[in-house]
Amino acid sequence: MMSHNSLRTLILGASLSWTIVAFGHGNVTPQPVDTGDLPDLGTEALNENPFREGNQHGALNDQAVEVGKSAYAGNCAGCHGIEAQSGGLTPDLRELTEWDDEYYIGRVMNGTDRGMPSFKSNLGQTAIWSIRTYVESVSGN
């Protein structure tokens, strides 16, 4: 049977672990993104990455990757990991496929009830889809 001291130590350890999980995500305050010469994609949510090769603005893929890399570092890496390599506490964005575009844009624009903020009013679709393009470039999907 477990002693009272062992039980207290276990409870304290679990409490501290959850505190680290809750506050270990870094800054989730949206940071401004310079989208350079990329086109303004408007406010109505697109259902497919326009910067993916073969799509409407696919010719701008390389430029979108560079913008997305910077935008990811300032807005996503604190929770989703450096170079899109999640530590397991948040979804690993590299696992998304092109068929997950609607899922991606919905979560990024609207946030979730599990701690992800909405980026709709802070980033805009050009920056959001640039981030997606960057993540695709490091994921191989």
N, C-alpha and C. Protein backbone atom coordinates (compact mmCIF):
# COMPACT_ATOMS: atom_id res chain seq x y z
N MET A 1 0.84 -1.18 0.00
CA MET A 1 0.00 0.00 0.00
C MET A 1 0.89 1.25 0.00
N MET A 2 0.45 2.28 -0.68
CA MET A 2 1.22 3.50 -0.82
C MET A 2 1.11 4.36 0.43
N SER A 3 2.23 4.89 0.89
CA SER A 3 2.21 5.76 2.08
C SER A 3 1.65 7.13 1.71
N HIS A 4 1.27 7.89 2.74
CA HIS A 4 0.73 9.23 2.51
C HIS A 4 1.77 10.13 1.85
N ASN A 5 3.02 10.03 2.25
CA ASN A 5 4.08 10.85 1.65
C ASN A 5 4.26 10.51 0.17
N SER A 6 4.22 9.24 -0.16
CA SER A 6 4.37 8.83 -1.56
C SER A 6 3.19 9.33 -2.38
N LEU A 7 2.00 9.26 -1.83
CA LEU A 7 0.81 9.73 -2.53
C LEU A 7 0.88 11.23 -2.75
N ARG A 8 1.29 11.98 -1.73
CA ARG A 8 1.43 13.43 -1.87
C ARG A 8 2.47 13.78 -2.93
N THR A 9 3.58 13.06 -2.92
CA THR A 9 4.63 13.30 -3.91
C THR A 9 4.10 13.03 -5.32
N LEU A 10 3.35 11.97 -5.48
CA LEU A 10 2.77 11.62 -6.77
C LEU A 10 1.80 12.71 -7.24
N ILE A 11 0.93 13.17 -6.36
CA ILE A 11 -0.04 14.21 -6.70
C ILE A 11 0.67 15.51 -7.04
N LEU A 12 1.67 15.89 -6.25
CA LEU A 12 2.43 17.11 -6.51
C LEU A 12 3.14 17.02 -7.86
N GLY A 13 3.74 15.89 -8.13
CA GLY A 13 4.43 15.69 -9.41
C GLY A 13 3.49 15.81 -10.59
N ALA A 14 2.31 15.21 -10.48
CA ALA A 14 1.32 15.28 -11.55
C ALA A 14 0.84 16.71 -11.75
N SER A 15 0.63 17.44 -10.65
CA SER A 15 0.20 18.83 -10.73
C SER A 15 1.24 19.69 -11.43
N LEU A 16 2.49 19.51 -11.08
CA LEU A 16 3.57 20.26 -11.71
C LEU A 16 3.69 19.93 -13.18
N SER A 17 3.49 18.68 -13.53
CA SER A 17 3.56 18.27 -14.93
C SER A 17 2.51 18.98 -15.75
N TRP A 18 1.28 19.06 -15.23
CA TRP A 18 0.22 19.74 -15.96
C TRP A 18 0.48 21.24 -16.05
N THR A 19 1.11 21.81 -15.05
CA THR A 19 1.47 23.23 -15.10
C THR A 19 2.46 23.47 -16.23
N ILE A 20 3.44 22.60 -16.34
CA ILE A 20 4.43 22.74 -17.41
C ILE A 20 3.76 22.59 -18.77
N VAL A 21 2.86 21.64 -18.91
CA VAL A 21 2.15 21.45 -20.17
C VAL A 21 1.33 22.70 -20.50
N ALA A 22 0.64 23.24 -19.51
CA ALA A 22 -0.22 24.39 -19.74
C ALA A 22 0.55 25.64 -20.12
N PHE A 23 1.71 25.86 -19.53
CA PHE A 23 2.46 27.09 -19.77
C PHE A 23 3.69 26.90 -20.64
N GLY A 24 3.97 25.70 -21.04
CA GLY A 24 5.18 25.42 -21.80
C GLY A 24 5.05 25.65 -23.29
N HIS A 25 3.93 26.17 -23.73
CA HIS A 25 3.71 26.36 -25.15
C HIS A 25 4.28 27.67 -25.68
N GLY A 26 4.76 28.52 -24.83
CA GLY A 26 5.33 29.77 -25.32
C GLY A 26 4.26 30.80 -25.65
N ASN A 27 4.68 31.80 -26.41
CA ASN A 27 3.84 32.93 -26.76
C ASN A 27 2.86 32.54 -27.87
N VAL A 28 1.57 32.63 -27.60
CA VAL A 28 0.59 32.35 -28.63
C VAL A 28 -0.09 33.64 -29.11
N THR A 29 0.49 34.79 -28.78
CA THR A 29 -0.02 36.05 -29.28
C THR A 29 0.37 36.16 -30.75
N PRO A 30 -0.61 36.31 -31.64
CA PRO A 30 -0.28 36.38 -33.06
C PRO A 30 0.73 37.49 -33.37
N GLN A 31 1.73 37.14 -34.16
CA GLN A 31 2.77 38.08 -34.57
C GLN A 31 2.50 38.52 -36.01
N PRO A 32 2.77 39.79 -36.33
CA PRO A 32 2.54 40.25 -37.70
C PRO A 32 3.42 39.50 -38.70
N VAL A 33 2.91 39.38 -39.92
CA VAL A 33 3.62 38.67 -40.98
C VAL A 33 3.70 39.58 -42.21
N ASP A 34 4.91 39.76 -42.72
CA ASP A 34 5.10 40.49 -43.98
C ASP A 34 4.95 39.49 -45.11
N THR A 35 3.87 39.60 -45.86
CA THR A 35 3.62 38.66 -46.95
C THR A 35 4.25 39.10 -48.26
N GLY A 36 4.99 40.21 -48.23
CA GLY A 36 5.73 40.65 -49.41
C GLY A 36 4.84 40.87 -50.61
N ASP A 37 5.24 40.29 -51.73
CA ASP A 37 4.52 40.47 -52.99
C ASP A 37 3.46 39.40 -53.25
N LEU A 38 3.21 38.55 -52.27
CA LEU A 38 2.18 37.52 -52.46
C LEU A 38 0.82 38.19 -52.56
N PRO A 39 -0.09 37.64 -53.36
CA PRO A 39 -1.41 38.27 -53.54
C PRO A 39 -2.25 38.19 -52.27
N ASP A 40 -3.10 39.22 -52.10
CA ASP A 40 -4.07 39.22 -50.99
C ASP A 40 -5.15 38.21 -51.36
N LEU A 41 -5.37 37.23 -50.53
CA LEU A 41 -6.33 36.17 -50.83
C LEU A 41 -7.72 36.44 -50.29
N GLY A 42 -7.95 37.63 -49.74
CA GLY A 42 -9.27 37.99 -49.26
C GLY A 42 -9.59 37.39 -47.90
N THR A 43 -10.85 37.53 -47.50
CA THR A 43 -11.25 37.09 -46.16
C THR A 43 -12.09 35.82 -46.16
N GLU A 44 -12.71 35.48 -47.29
CA GLU A 44 -13.52 34.26 -47.33
C GLU A 44 -12.60 33.05 -47.40
N ALA A 45 -12.81 32.11 -46.49
CA ALA A 45 -11.91 30.96 -46.37
C ALA A 45 -11.85 30.14 -47.66
N LEU A 46 -10.64 29.96 -48.16
CA LEU A 46 -10.41 29.08 -49.30
C LEU A 46 -10.33 27.65 -48.78
N ASN A 47 -10.75 26.69 -49.58
CA ASN A 47 -10.75 25.29 -49.14
C ASN A 47 -9.55 24.50 -49.62
N GLU A 48 -8.66 25.17 -50.36
CA GLU A 48 -7.49 24.48 -50.90
C GLU A 48 -6.32 25.46 -50.92
N ASN A 49 -5.13 24.95 -50.65
CA ASN A 49 -3.93 25.79 -50.61
C ASN A 49 -3.65 26.36 -52.01
N PRO A 50 -3.81 27.66 -52.19
CA PRO A 50 -3.60 28.25 -53.51
C PRO A 50 -2.14 28.29 -53.93
N PHE A 51 -1.22 28.13 -52.99
CA PHE A 51 0.21 28.19 -53.30
C PHE A 51 0.82 26.82 -53.60
N ARG A 52 0.01 25.78 -53.49
CA ARG A 52 0.51 24.43 -53.82
C ARG A 52 0.75 24.37 -55.32
N GLU A 53 1.84 23.75 -55.71
CA GLU A 53 2.16 23.63 -57.14
C GLU A 53 0.99 23.01 -57.88
N GLY A 54 0.63 23.63 -59.00
CA GLY A 54 -0.51 23.17 -59.80
C GLY A 54 -1.79 23.91 -59.49
N ASN A 55 -1.83 24.68 -58.40
CA ASN A 55 -3.02 25.45 -58.04
C ASN A 55 -2.90 26.89 -58.54
N GLN A 56 -3.90 27.71 -58.25
CA GLN A 56 -4.02 29.06 -58.79
C GLN A 56 -2.74 29.89 -58.67
N HIS A 57 -2.09 29.90 -57.52
CA HIS A 57 -0.87 30.67 -57.31
C HIS A 57 0.34 29.76 -57.08
N GLY A 58 0.29 28.59 -57.65
CA GLY A 58 1.35 27.61 -57.48
C GLY A 58 2.72 28.09 -57.94
N ALA A 59 2.74 29.01 -58.90
CA ALA A 59 4.01 29.56 -59.38
C ALA A 59 4.73 30.34 -58.28
N LEU A 60 4.01 30.74 -57.25
CA LEU A 60 4.58 31.50 -56.13
C LEU A 60 4.95 30.59 -54.96
N ASN A 61 4.99 29.28 -55.18
CA ASN A 61 5.23 28.31 -54.11
C ASN A 61 6.50 28.62 -53.34
N ASP A 62 7.62 28.85 -54.02
CA ASP A 62 8.89 29.10 -53.32
C ASP A 62 8.82 30.35 -52.45
N GLN A 63 8.20 31.40 -52.98
CA GLN A 63 8.05 32.64 -52.21
C GLN A 63 7.14 32.40 -51.00
N ALA A 64 6.07 31.65 -51.19
CA ALA A 64 5.16 31.35 -50.08
C ALA A 64 5.86 30.53 -49.01
N VAL A 65 6.75 29.62 -49.40
CA VAL A 65 7.50 28.83 -48.42
C VAL A 65 8.35 29.75 -47.55
N GLU A 66 9.02 30.72 -48.14
CA GLU A 66 9.87 31.65 -47.37
C GLU A 66 9.04 32.50 -46.42
N VAL A 67 7.92 33.04 -46.91
CA VAL A 67 7.03 33.82 -46.04
C VAL A 67 6.48 32.92 -44.93
N GLY A 68 6.08 31.73 -45.29
CA GLY A 68 5.51 30.79 -44.33
C GLY A 68 6.50 30.35 -43.27
N LYS A 69 7.76 30.21 -43.64
CA LYS A 69 8.79 29.81 -42.67
C LYS A 69 8.91 30.85 -41.57
N SER A 70 8.96 32.11 -41.95
CA SER A 70 9.05 33.20 -40.97
C SER A 70 7.76 33.29 -40.15
N ALA A 71 6.62 33.19 -40.82
CA ALA A 71 5.33 33.28 -40.14
C ALA A 71 5.16 32.12 -39.16
N TYR A 72 5.58 30.93 -39.55
CA TYR A 72 5.50 29.76 -38.67
C TYR A 72 6.35 29.98 -37.43
N ALA A 73 7.56 30.46 -37.62
CA ALA A 73 8.47 30.68 -36.48
C ALA A 73 7.86 31.65 -35.47
N GLY A 74 7.18 32.69 -35.95
CA GLY A 74 6.62 33.70 -35.06
C GLY A 74 5.26 33.37 -34.49
N ASN A 75 4.53 32.43 -35.10
CA ASN A 75 3.16 32.19 -34.69
C ASN A 75 2.81 30.74 -34.32
N CYS A 76 3.62 29.80 -34.74
CA CYS A 76 3.24 28.39 -34.59
C CYS A 76 4.26 27.56 -33.82
N ALA A 77 5.54 27.90 -33.96
CA ALA A 77 6.60 27.06 -33.41
C ALA A 77 6.51 26.91 -31.90
N GLY A 78 6.00 27.91 -31.20
CA GLY A 78 5.89 27.83 -29.75
C GLY A 78 5.05 26.65 -29.29
N CYS A 79 4.07 26.25 -30.07
CA CYS A 79 3.22 25.11 -29.72
C CYS A 79 3.49 23.88 -30.59
N HIS A 80 3.71 24.10 -31.87
CA HIS A 80 3.82 22.98 -32.81
C HIS A 80 5.26 22.57 -33.11
N GLY A 81 6.23 23.23 -32.48
CA GLY A 81 7.62 22.81 -32.60
C GLY A 81 8.40 23.50 -33.69
N ILE A 82 9.70 23.61 -33.45
CA ILE A 82 10.60 24.21 -34.42
C ILE A 82 10.63 23.33 -35.67
N GLU A 83 10.60 23.97 -36.82
CA GLU A 83 10.58 23.29 -38.12
C GLU A 83 9.44 22.29 -38.22
N ALA A 84 8.33 22.62 -37.56
CA ALA A 84 7.09 21.84 -37.62
C ALA A 84 7.22 20.45 -37.02
N GLN A 85 8.16 20.25 -36.13
CA GLN A 85 8.34 18.95 -35.47
C GLN A 85 7.72 19.02 -34.08
N SER A 86 6.48 18.56 -33.98
CA SER A 86 5.75 18.60 -32.72
C SER A 86 6.39 17.70 -31.68
N GLY A 87 6.34 18.15 -30.44
CA GLY A 87 6.85 17.33 -29.34
C GLY A 87 5.82 16.36 -28.81
N GLY A 88 4.66 16.28 -29.44
CA GLY A 88 3.64 15.32 -29.03
C GLY A 88 2.49 15.91 -28.24
N LEU A 89 2.62 17.15 -27.76
CA LEU A 89 1.53 17.76 -26.99
C LEU A 89 0.47 18.38 -27.89
N THR A 90 0.87 18.77 -29.08
CA THR A 90 -0.03 19.39 -30.04
C THR A 90 0.04 18.60 -31.34
N PRO A 91 -0.95 18.78 -32.22
CA PRO A 91 -0.93 18.03 -33.47
C PRO A 91 0.36 18.28 -34.28
N ASP A 92 0.87 17.22 -34.87
CA ASP A 92 2.04 17.32 -35.74
C ASP A 92 1.54 17.72 -37.12
N LEU A 93 1.77 18.97 -37.49
CA LEU A 93 1.23 19.51 -38.73
C LEU A 93 1.83 18.85 -39.96
N ARG A 94 2.97 18.21 -39.82
CA ARG A 94 3.59 17.52 -40.95
C ARG A 94 2.77 16.31 -41.39
N GLU A 95 1.88 15.84 -40.54
CA GLU A 95 1.07 14.68 -40.88
C GLU A 95 -0.16 15.03 -41.71
N LEU A 96 -0.44 16.32 -41.87
CA LEU A 96 -1.57 16.72 -42.70
C LEU A 96 -1.24 16.47 -44.17
N THR A 97 -2.23 16.02 -44.93
CA THR A 97 -2.05 15.83 -46.36
C THR A 97 -2.80 16.94 -47.09
N GLU A 98 -2.69 16.97 -48.40
CA GLU A 98 -3.40 18.00 -49.16
C GLU A 98 -4.91 17.87 -48.99
N TRP A 99 -5.38 16.70 -48.60
CA TRP A 99 -6.82 16.50 -48.39
C TRP A 99 -7.29 17.11 -47.07
N ASP A 100 -6.36 17.58 -46.26
CA ASP A 100 -6.70 18.18 -44.97
C ASP A 100 -6.75 19.71 -45.01
N ASP A 101 -6.76 20.30 -46.20
CA ASP A 101 -6.75 21.76 -46.30
C ASP A 101 -7.93 22.41 -45.58
N GLU A 102 -9.13 21.86 -45.74
CA GLU A 102 -10.31 22.44 -45.08
C GLU A 102 -10.18 22.35 -43.57
N TYR A 103 -9.69 21.23 -43.08
CA TYR A 103 -9.46 21.06 -41.64
C TYR A 103 -8.47 22.12 -41.15
N TYR A 104 -7.37 22.27 -41.87
CA TYR A 104 -6.32 23.22 -41.50
C TYR A 104 -6.87 24.65 -41.43
N ILE A 105 -7.49 25.11 -42.50
CA ILE A 105 -7.93 26.51 -42.54
C ILE A 105 -9.00 26.76 -41.46
N GLY A 106 -9.86 25.79 -41.22
CA GLY A 106 -10.88 25.95 -40.17
C GLY A 106 -10.28 26.10 -38.79
N ARG A 107 -9.28 25.28 -38.48
CA ARG A 107 -8.65 25.34 -37.16
C ARG A 107 -7.84 26.61 -36.98
N VAL A 108 -7.10 27.00 -38.01
CA VAL A 108 -6.25 28.19 -37.88
C VAL A 108 -7.08 29.46 -37.82
N MET A 109 -8.11 29.55 -38.64
CA MET A 109 -8.92 30.76 -38.65
C MET A 109 -9.82 30.87 -37.42
N ASN A 110 -10.35 29.76 -36.95
CA ASN A 110 -11.33 29.80 -35.86
C ASN A 110 -10.80 29.38 -34.51
N GLY A 111 -9.63 28.78 -34.46
CA GLY A 111 -9.09 28.29 -33.21
C GLY A 111 -9.82 27.03 -32.77
N THR A 112 -9.47 26.55 -31.58
CA THR A 112 -10.13 25.36 -31.04
C THR A 112 -10.44 25.60 -29.57
N ASP A 113 -11.25 24.73 -29.01
CA ASP A 113 -11.56 24.84 -27.58
C ASP A 113 -10.49 24.17 -26.72
N ARG A 114 -9.42 23.72 -27.33
CA ARG A 114 -8.33 23.08 -26.60
C ARG A 114 -7.09 23.96 -26.50
N GLY A 115 -7.26 25.26 -26.67
CA GLY A 115 -6.16 26.18 -26.42
C GLY A 115 -5.57 26.87 -27.62
N MET A 116 -5.93 26.46 -28.83
CA MET A 116 -5.38 27.14 -29.99
C MET A 116 -6.20 28.39 -30.26
N PRO A 117 -5.53 29.56 -30.35
CA PRO A 117 -6.26 30.80 -30.60
C PRO A 117 -6.67 30.90 -32.07
N SER A 118 -7.64 31.77 -32.32
CA SER A 118 -8.04 32.08 -33.68
C SER A 118 -7.03 33.07 -34.27
N PHE A 119 -6.63 32.83 -35.50
CA PHE A 119 -5.70 33.74 -36.17
C PHE A 119 -6.38 34.52 -37.29
N LYS A 120 -7.70 34.37 -37.42
CA LYS A 120 -8.46 34.98 -38.52
C LYS A 120 -8.25 36.49 -38.63
N SER A 121 -8.34 37.19 -37.53
CA SER A 121 -8.27 38.65 -37.60
C SER A 121 -6.84 39.18 -37.52
N ASN A 122 -5.87 38.30 -37.27
CA ASN A 122 -4.50 38.77 -37.12
C ASN A 122 -3.58 38.46 -38.30
N LEU A 123 -3.80 37.34 -38.96
CA LEU A 123 -2.86 36.94 -40.00
C LEU A 123 -3.39 37.11 -41.41
N GLY A 124 -4.60 36.76 -41.67
CA GLY A 124 -5.12 36.79 -43.03
C GLY A 124 -4.74 35.53 -43.78
N GLN A 125 -5.49 35.26 -44.82
CA GLN A 125 -5.29 34.00 -45.55
C GLN A 125 -3.96 33.89 -46.26
N THR A 126 -3.42 34.99 -46.75
CA THR A 126 -2.14 34.90 -47.44
C THR A 126 -1.08 34.34 -46.50
N ALA A 127 -1.01 34.87 -45.29
CA ALA A 127 -0.04 34.38 -44.31
C ALA A 127 -0.38 32.95 -43.87
N ILE A 128 -1.65 32.68 -43.64
CA ILE A 128 -2.07 31.35 -43.17
C ILE A 128 -1.74 30.28 -44.21
N TRP A 129 -2.03 30.54 -45.48
CA TRP A 129 -1.72 29.55 -46.52
C TRP A 129 -0.22 29.49 -46.78
N SER A 130 0.50 30.56 -46.54
CA SER A 130 1.97 30.51 -46.65
C SER A 130 2.54 29.58 -45.59
N ILE A 131 1.99 29.64 -44.39
CA ILE A 131 2.43 28.73 -43.32
C ILE A 131 2.17 27.29 -43.75
N ARG A 132 1.00 27.04 -44.28
CA ARG A 132 0.66 25.68 -44.76
C ARG A 132 1.65 25.22 -45.83
N THR A 133 2.02 26.12 -46.73
CA THR A 133 2.96 25.80 -47.80
C THR A 133 4.33 25.47 -47.23
N TYR A 134 4.76 26.24 -46.23
CA TYR A 134 6.03 25.94 -45.56
C TYR A 134 5.99 24.57 -44.91
N VAL A 135 4.93 24.28 -44.15
CA VAL A 135 4.82 22.99 -43.47
C VAL A 135 4.85 21.85 -44.49
N GLU A 136 4.16 22.02 -45.61
CA GLU A 136 4.20 20.99 -46.65
C GLU A 136 5.63 20.80 -47.18
N SER A 137 6.40 21.88 -47.24
CA SER A 137 7.76 21.78 -47.78
C SER A 137 8.69 20.99 -46.86
N VAL A 138 8.41 20.99 -45.56
CA VAL A 138 9.26 20.24 -44.62
C VAL A 138 8.69 18.86 -44.29
N SER A 139 7.47 18.60 -44.72
CA SER A 139 6.83 17.33 -44.37
C SER A 139 6.98 16.26 -45.44
N GLY A 140 7.16 16.68 -46.66
CA GLY A 140 7.22 15.71 -47.75
C GLY A 140 5.85 15.28 -48.24
N ASN A 141 4.77 15.84 -47.67
CA ASN A 141 3.40 15.51 -48.12
C ASN A 141 3.00 16.39 -49.28
